[in-house]
Protein backbone atom coordinates (compact mmCIF):
# COMPACT_ATOMS: atom_id res chain seq x y z
CA MET A 1 87.08 111.13 149.83
CA LEU A 2 87.76 110.74 153.56
CA LYS A 3 89.99 107.78 154.42
CA ILE A 4 91.82 106.56 157.51
CA LEU A 5 95.40 106.21 156.30
CA GLU A 6 98.90 105.93 157.65
CA GLY A 7 100.70 109.17 156.89
CA SER A 8 103.24 107.52 154.61
CA ILE A 9 100.52 105.82 152.57
CA ALA A 10 98.55 109.05 152.22
CA VAL A 11 101.70 110.76 150.92
CA ALA A 12 102.35 107.90 148.47
CA GLU A 13 98.78 108.16 147.16
CA ALA A 14 99.15 111.92 146.67
CA VAL A 15 102.45 111.44 144.84
CA LYS A 16 100.80 108.87 142.56
CA GLN A 17 98.07 111.40 141.71
CA CYS A 18 100.74 113.96 140.78
CA ARG A 19 101.79 111.54 138.02
CA PRO A 20 105.60 111.59 138.32
CA GLN A 21 107.29 109.99 135.32
CA VAL A 22 110.42 108.89 137.20
CA ILE A 23 110.81 107.82 140.83
CA ALA A 24 114.21 106.94 142.32
CA ALA A 25 114.54 106.26 146.02
CA TYR A 26 116.40 104.21 148.60
CA PRO A 27 114.65 102.87 151.72
CA ILE A 28 115.55 104.32 155.13
CA THR A 29 113.58 104.49 158.37
CA PRO A 30 111.08 106.17 158.78
CA GLN A 31 110.62 107.02 155.10
CA THR A 32 110.51 103.42 153.80
CA HIS A 33 106.73 102.95 153.72
CA ILE A 34 106.36 105.78 151.20
CA VAL A 35 108.64 104.27 148.58
CA GLU A 36 107.46 100.71 149.30
CA ALA A 37 103.91 101.81 148.56
CA LEU A 38 104.98 103.63 145.39
CA ALA A 39 106.93 100.57 144.23
CA ASP A 40 103.75 98.50 144.57
CA ILE A 41 101.72 101.17 142.77
CA VAL A 42 104.11 101.18 139.80
CA ALA A 43 104.47 97.37 139.75
CA ASN A 44 100.68 96.97 139.71
CA GLY A 45 100.33 99.27 136.71
CA GLU A 46 98.49 101.99 138.63
CA LEU A 47 101.04 104.63 137.61
CA ASP A 48 102.85 104.92 134.28
CA CYS A 49 106.27 105.65 135.74
CA GLU A 50 109.88 104.46 135.62
CA TYR A 51 110.78 103.29 139.14
CA ILE A 52 114.57 103.15 139.44
CA THR A 53 116.06 100.84 142.06
CA VAL A 54 119.36 102.31 143.23
CA GLU A 55 122.16 101.41 145.62
CA SER A 56 122.16 104.58 147.75
CA GLU A 57 120.44 107.89 148.41
CA PHE A 58 123.22 109.66 146.50
CA SER A 59 122.34 107.57 143.45
CA ALA A 60 118.60 108.13 143.97
CA LEU A 61 118.79 111.90 143.75
CA SER A 62 121.40 111.71 140.99
CA ALA A 63 118.98 109.64 138.91
CA CYS A 64 116.24 112.18 139.56
CA LEU A 65 118.59 114.97 138.52
CA GLY A 66 119.22 113.37 135.14
CA ALA A 67 115.55 112.53 134.59
CA SER A 68 114.41 116.03 135.49
CA ALA A 69 117.03 117.61 133.24
CA ALA A 70 115.72 115.46 130.38
CA GLY A 71 112.20 116.79 130.94
CA SER A 72 110.51 114.29 133.29
CA ARG A 73 108.51 115.04 136.42
CA THR A 74 110.47 113.27 139.15
CA TYR A 75 110.09 112.31 142.81
CA SER A 76 112.15 110.93 145.68
CA ALA A 77 111.91 110.58 149.45
CA THR A 78 114.47 110.26 152.22
CA THR A 79 115.40 111.20 155.77
CA SER A 80 118.31 111.86 158.13
CA GLN A 81 121.55 110.13 157.09
CA GLY A 82 120.07 109.49 153.64
CA LEU A 83 119.53 113.21 153.11
CA ALA A 84 123.05 113.86 154.39
CA LEU A 85 124.40 111.45 151.77
CA MET A 86 122.53 113.49 149.13
CA PHE A 87 124.16 116.75 150.26
CA GLU A 88 126.26 117.33 147.13
CA VAL A 89 123.43 116.42 144.78
CA CYS A 90 120.96 118.66 146.64
CA PHE A 91 123.10 121.67 145.80
CA ASN A 92 123.47 120.51 142.20
CA VAL A 93 119.73 120.00 141.74
CA ALA A 94 118.93 123.43 143.12
CA GLY A 95 121.72 125.14 141.18
CA LEU A 96 120.49 123.53 137.95
CA ARG A 97 116.98 124.84 138.79
CA LEU A 98 115.38 121.39 138.51
CA PRO A 99 111.90 121.22 140.11
CA ILE A 100 112.22 117.83 141.84
CA VAL A 101 109.86 117.22 144.76
CA MET A 102 111.20 115.14 147.66
CA THR A 103 109.46 114.06 150.83
CA ILE A 104 111.50 114.30 154.03
CA ALA A 105 110.26 112.15 156.93
CA ASN A 106 112.17 114.24 159.45
CA ARG A 107 114.57 112.31 161.70
CA ALA A 108 117.56 113.13 163.89
CA LEU A 109 121.10 112.95 162.52
CA GLY A 110 123.92 110.88 164.05
CA ALA A 111 126.14 110.55 165.86
CA PRO A 112 124.92 109.29 168.25
CA LEU A 113 122.55 107.23 166.11
CA SER A 114 118.87 108.02 166.51
CA ILE A 115 115.97 106.87 164.38
CA TRP A 116 113.56 109.26 166.12
CA ASN A 117 112.22 112.62 165.09
CA ASP A 118 113.59 116.09 165.04
CA GLN A 119 114.05 118.53 162.16
CA GLN A 120 117.85 118.68 162.04
CA ASP A 121 118.10 116.87 158.69
CA SER A 122 116.12 119.22 156.46
CA ILE A 123 117.18 122.30 158.43
CA SER A 124 120.81 121.37 157.71
CA LEU A 125 120.00 121.86 153.99
CA ARG A 126 118.36 125.23 154.54
CA ASP A 127 121.05 126.99 152.48
CA SER A 128 121.00 124.57 149.55
CA GLY A 129 118.34 126.48 147.62
CA TRP A 130 115.40 124.06 148.00
CA LEU A 131 111.92 125.26 148.91
CA GLN A 132 110.99 123.85 152.33
CA PHE A 133 107.42 123.13 153.44
CA TYR A 134 106.58 121.74 156.93
CA ALA A 135 103.33 119.90 157.67
CA GLU A 136 101.45 119.97 160.97
CA ASP A 137 99.40 116.82 160.26
CA ASN A 138 98.91 114.18 157.60
CA GLN A 139 96.22 116.16 155.78
CA GLU A 140 98.66 119.00 155.32
CA ALA A 141 101.51 116.64 154.41
CA THR A 142 99.34 115.13 151.69
CA ASP A 143 98.05 118.41 150.25
CA LEU A 144 101.47 120.06 150.23
CA HIS A 145 102.74 117.62 147.60
CA TYR A 146 100.27 118.89 144.99
CA ILE A 147 101.19 122.47 145.89
CA ALA A 148 104.94 121.76 145.91
CA TYR A 149 104.87 120.46 142.33
CA ARG A 150 102.84 123.42 141.08
CA VAL A 151 105.15 125.94 142.75
CA ALA A 152 108.43 124.19 141.92
CA GLU A 153 107.54 123.81 138.24
CA HIS A 154 106.30 127.38 137.80
CA HIS A 155 108.56 129.16 135.31
CA ASP A 156 109.03 132.09 137.71
CA VAL A 157 110.42 129.67 140.33
CA LEU A 158 111.98 126.47 138.91
CA LEU A 159 113.35 125.24 142.24
CA PRO A 160 113.23 121.82 143.91
CA ALA A 161 111.07 121.37 147.01
CA PHE A 162 111.18 119.45 150.29
CA VAL A 163 107.84 118.48 151.79
CA CYS A 164 108.73 117.74 155.41
CA PHE A 165 106.64 115.84 157.93
CA ASP A 166 107.73 114.45 161.27
CA GLY A 167 109.03 110.90 161.19
CA PHE A 168 106.96 108.33 163.09
CA ILE A 169 104.86 111.07 164.74
CA LEU A 170 103.13 111.58 161.38
CA SER A 171 104.66 109.10 158.95
CA HIS A 172 103.50 106.05 160.95
CA THR A 173 100.32 107.50 162.46
CA TYR A 174 96.84 106.75 161.11
CA GLU A 175 94.66 109.84 160.70
CA PRO A 176 91.58 110.83 158.69
CA VAL A 177 92.77 112.28 155.38
CA ASP A 178 90.49 113.83 152.77
CA MET A 179 92.10 112.46 149.62
CA LEU A 180 91.55 114.02 146.22
CA SER A 181 90.21 111.89 143.43
CA GLN A 182 92.50 111.40 140.45
CA GLU A 183 90.13 113.59 138.44
CA ASP A 184 90.42 116.42 140.97
CA ALA A 185 94.20 116.04 141.12
CA ASP A 186 94.41 116.21 137.33
CA ARG A 187 92.25 119.33 137.40
CA PHE A 188 94.63 121.04 139.82
CA MET A 189 97.93 119.74 138.47
CA LYS A 190 99.36 120.76 135.12
CA PRO A 191 101.62 118.70 132.84
CA PHE A 192 105.31 119.33 133.45
CA ASP A 193 106.44 121.97 130.99
CA PRO A 194 110.22 122.38 131.43
CA LEU A 195 111.62 125.72 130.35
CA TYR A 196 114.82 123.96 129.26
CA ARG A 197 115.60 120.28 128.79
CA LEU A 198 118.35 118.06 127.47
CA ASP A 199 117.39 117.21 123.89
CA ALA A 200 119.72 116.05 121.12
CA ALA A 201 117.51 117.83 118.60
CA ALA A 202 117.89 121.18 120.38
CA PRO A 203 121.16 121.03 122.37
CA VAL A 204 121.66 123.10 125.52
CA SER A 205 124.35 123.05 128.19
CA MET A 206 123.52 122.56 131.87
CA GLY A 207 125.75 122.81 134.93
CA MET A 208 128.63 124.45 133.12
CA TYR A 209 131.80 125.66 134.83
CA ALA A 210 131.31 129.16 136.27
CA THR A 211 134.29 131.47 136.60
CA PRO A 212 134.40 134.14 139.31
CA GLU A 213 133.08 136.65 136.76
CA TYR A 214 129.70 134.82 136.64
CA TYR A 215 129.19 132.71 139.80
CA LEU A 216 127.85 135.58 141.93
CA GLU A 217 125.14 136.31 139.35
CA PHE A 218 123.98 132.68 139.38
CA ARG A 219 123.56 132.86 143.16
CA TYR A 220 121.69 136.16 142.83
CA GLU A 221 119.23 134.68 140.35
CA HIS A 222 118.75 131.66 142.60
CA ASP A 223 118.00 133.92 145.57
CA GLN A 224 115.56 135.99 143.52
CA ALA A 225 113.69 132.82 142.54
CA GLN A 226 113.25 132.01 146.24
CA HIS A 227 111.75 135.43 146.82
CA ARG A 228 109.45 135.12 143.79
CA ALA A 229 108.27 131.79 145.13
CA LYS A 230 106.41 133.51 147.98
CA LYS A 231 103.93 135.06 145.55
CA ILE A 232 103.51 131.79 143.65
CA ILE A 233 102.98 129.80 146.87
CA ALA A 234 100.21 132.23 147.83
CA GLU A 235 98.56 132.00 144.40
CA VAL A 236 98.73 128.21 144.17
CA GLY A 237 97.65 127.74 147.79
CA ARG A 238 94.65 130.02 147.25
CA GLU A 239 93.67 128.12 144.10
CA PHE A 240 93.85 124.84 146.03
CA GLY A 241 91.58 126.32 148.69
CA GLU A 242 89.04 127.53 146.13
CA LEU A 243 88.87 124.07 144.58
CA PHE A 244 89.02 121.84 147.66
CA GLY A 245 88.22 124.01 150.69
CA ARG A 246 91.67 123.91 152.32
CA ASP A 247 93.50 127.22 151.81
CA TYR A 248 97.30 127.18 151.83
CA SER A 249 97.87 130.72 150.58
CA ALA A 250 99.50 131.81 153.86
CA LEU A 251 103.13 130.95 154.55
CA VAL A 252 102.36 131.35 158.26
CA GLU A 253 99.20 130.60 160.21
CA GLY A 254 98.08 132.10 163.52
CA TYR A 255 96.13 130.37 166.27
CA ARG A 256 94.45 132.50 168.96
CA LEU A 257 97.07 135.12 168.19
CA GLU A 258 94.93 138.26 167.84
CA ASP A 259 95.05 139.35 171.50
CA ALA A 260 98.03 137.24 172.62
CA GLU A 261 100.65 138.71 174.93
CA VAL A 262 102.94 135.68 174.55
CA ALA A 263 103.34 134.02 171.15
CA LEU A 264 104.80 130.58 170.58
CA VAL A 265 106.42 129.89 167.19
CA ALA A 266 106.77 126.35 165.86
CA MET A 267 106.86 124.13 162.75
CA GLY A 268 105.53 120.64 162.07
CA SER A 269 103.53 118.31 164.30
CA LEU A 270 104.58 120.21 167.41
CA CYS A 271 101.97 122.79 166.42
CA GLY A 272 99.12 120.39 167.25
CA THR A 273 100.37 119.81 170.81
CA THR A 274 100.97 123.54 171.18
CA LYS A 275 97.39 124.37 170.17
CA ASP A 276 96.02 122.01 172.81
CA ALA A 277 98.32 123.54 175.43
CA ILE A 278 97.21 127.04 174.41
CA ASP A 279 93.55 126.11 174.85
CA GLU A 280 94.27 124.96 178.41
CA MET A 281 96.31 128.08 179.21
CA ARG A 282 93.58 130.29 177.76
CA ALA A 283 91.03 128.60 180.01
CA ALA A 284 93.29 129.55 182.93
CA GLY A 285 93.39 133.17 181.81
CA LYS A 286 96.74 133.35 179.99
CA LYS A 287 96.74 135.26 176.71
CA VAL A 288 98.88 132.91 174.63
CA GLY A 289 98.84 132.24 170.88
CA LEU A 290 100.73 130.31 168.20
CA LEU A 291 102.36 131.32 164.96
CA LYS A 292 102.85 128.23 162.80
CA ILE A 293 105.48 128.49 160.08
CA ARG A 294 104.50 126.35 157.12
CA THR A 295 107.15 127.58 154.68
CA PHE A 296 110.68 127.83 156.03
CA ARG A 297 112.26 128.52 152.64
CA PRO A 298 111.55 131.06 151.39
CA PHE A 299 111.35 132.41 154.94
CA PRO A 300 108.27 134.61 155.48
CA THR A 301 110.12 137.48 157.19
CA GLU A 302 107.51 140.18 156.54
CA GLU A 303 104.63 137.88 157.47
CA VAL A 304 106.28 136.91 160.76
CA ALA A 305 106.96 140.55 161.63
CA ALA A 306 103.35 141.56 160.89
CA ALA A 307 101.85 138.63 162.83
CA LEU A 308 103.97 139.19 165.95
CA LYS A 309 104.33 142.97 166.11
CA HIS A 310 101.68 143.33 168.84
CA VAL A 311 102.94 140.69 171.29
CA GLN A 312 105.23 141.32 174.25
CA THR A 313 107.16 138.06 174.24
CA VAL A 314 107.92 135.36 171.66
CA ALA A 315 109.01 131.83 172.56
CA VAL A 316 110.39 129.88 169.61
CA LEU A 317 110.18 126.08 169.85
CA ASP A 318 113.09 124.69 167.83
CA LYS A 319 113.41 120.96 167.07
CA ASN A 320 116.88 121.63 165.69
CA ILE A 321 120.06 123.36 166.79
CA SER A 322 122.60 125.38 164.84
CA LEU A 323 125.40 124.32 167.17
CA GLY A 324 127.29 127.22 168.61
CA ALA A 325 124.43 129.62 167.87
CA LYS A 326 120.68 129.00 168.32
CA GLY A 327 117.85 127.09 166.70
CA ALA A 328 117.44 127.91 163.03
CA VAL A 329 113.85 129.13 163.39
CA ALA A 330 114.77 131.45 166.27
CA LEU A 331 117.58 133.01 164.26
CA GLU A 332 115.10 133.85 161.50
CA VAL A 333 112.43 135.14 163.91
CA LYS A 334 114.94 137.33 165.74
CA ASP A 335 115.96 138.81 162.39
CA ALA A 336 112.32 139.43 161.43
CA LEU A 337 111.63 141.21 164.73
CA TYR A 338 114.92 143.12 164.96
CA ASN A 339 114.38 146.57 166.54
CA SER A 340 110.66 145.81 167.11
CA GLY A 341 110.91 145.81 170.88
CA VAL A 342 109.49 142.28 171.07
CA ARG A 343 111.44 139.92 173.34
CA VAL A 344 112.38 136.71 171.50
CA PHE A 345 113.57 133.62 173.39
CA ASP A 346 114.66 130.31 171.91
CA TYR A 347 114.00 126.86 173.37
CA ILE A 348 115.73 123.80 171.92
CA LEU A 349 113.54 120.79 172.61
CA GLY A 350 112.38 117.43 171.32
CA LEU A 351 115.74 116.48 169.82
CA GLY A 352 116.16 112.79 169.00
CA GLY A 353 112.45 112.17 169.49
CA ARG A 354 112.13 113.27 173.12
CA ASP A 355 108.47 113.83 173.97
CA VAL A 356 107.15 117.39 174.15
CA ARG A 357 104.01 117.46 176.27
CA LYS A 358 101.40 120.11 176.96
CA ARG A 359 102.89 120.74 180.39
CA ASP A 360 106.26 121.38 178.73
CA ILE A 361 104.70 124.05 176.53
CA ALA A 362 103.09 125.67 179.57
CA ALA A 363 106.41 125.60 181.43
CA ILE A 364 108.15 127.28 178.48
CA VAL A 365 105.56 130.08 178.50
CA GLU A 366 106.33 130.69 182.19
CA LEU A 367 110.06 130.75 181.44
CA ALA A 368 109.56 133.26 178.63
CA GLU A 369 107.36 135.48 180.78
CA SER A 370 110.08 135.53 183.44
CA GLY A 371 112.76 136.39 180.89
CA LYS A 372 114.54 133.04 180.93
CA GLY A 373 115.28 131.74 177.46
CA ASP A 374 117.82 130.74 174.82
CA LEU A 375 118.31 127.35 176.44
CA PHE A 376 117.98 123.61 175.95
CA TYR A 377 114.64 122.78 177.54
CA GLY A 378 114.31 119.60 179.63
CA LEU A 379 117.98 118.72 180.07
CA ARG A 380 118.56 115.73 182.36
CA THR A 381 120.52 117.33 185.19
CA GLU A 382 122.07 114.03 186.29
CA VAL A 383 124.14 113.82 183.08
CA LEU A 384 125.40 117.40 183.12
């Protein structure tokens, strides 16, 4: 059913249809509308769920950890400083292989304080072991929640998942969203079937102390689960497409890339602006394309290499910065294209919510063509 919905409300409706049994969250801009809507849904009896009111984001994810370990499908949402406060628990959740799904309304991290969008928050947890999905628009943000639960709960994966969408740019924007009915959602979703759970009748131990003789093997198994997730994402995304007409089997998605000489690489809502800019550049005779990365963890190394092997130059648009190095996406793309002969340049842009316009994208293509890259794009020269 096609509806005009604010992004946060569309996400809340999708979460409701996934039938979580426990929700624990703490409000923080720009994520608040999601959990406000879910609180109303639970209070009105529209969802049979325990909604836990907590005193912090640390407590929110801790409550989800316990509920998931006991065998409940769980959900939370956060952003920015709230996600930073969850840092310790994020590693615990992933290490315990608990398939919690959490929405991240991406926002810059302080200091200095900013409530505006970039992707530094979720990128900073890239090594925590969570699956990471990035949505271009509110339709994708909505659909990815159904897929995230199916993938996370699959017994070959059993990993928690971030579904990331850009704060304010998407979370507070009204767009047409084709919502599933509850019947369709139930047809696609499956009841949570934990492989292990805390049960007094059948005791197990979770999160035990690991000596040096065993810790390495735990990390190996965790890494292997990330790699197995690629196959499961493809299978679940294809099934979603067969049922509802929107295929998410690809971890990356090309736009006008087949004959491109210059390829832009981006994640999130920036991809929409980039597509419009590409159309204008194409009309002017430039052979430019886009590779959108939908799944950052597991990173689609082979898919990126295959999609970009024919281009001459790659310009990565990073709304994050690994300080002292490069943007996180560029580091991964450079690794994927190592020894390929393709030139890869990184452009840090849009941090703290700074606008990225079509003319900025066109200017970056010109910089890449001239061999100028690995820079902060759009710096105000008067403050340097």
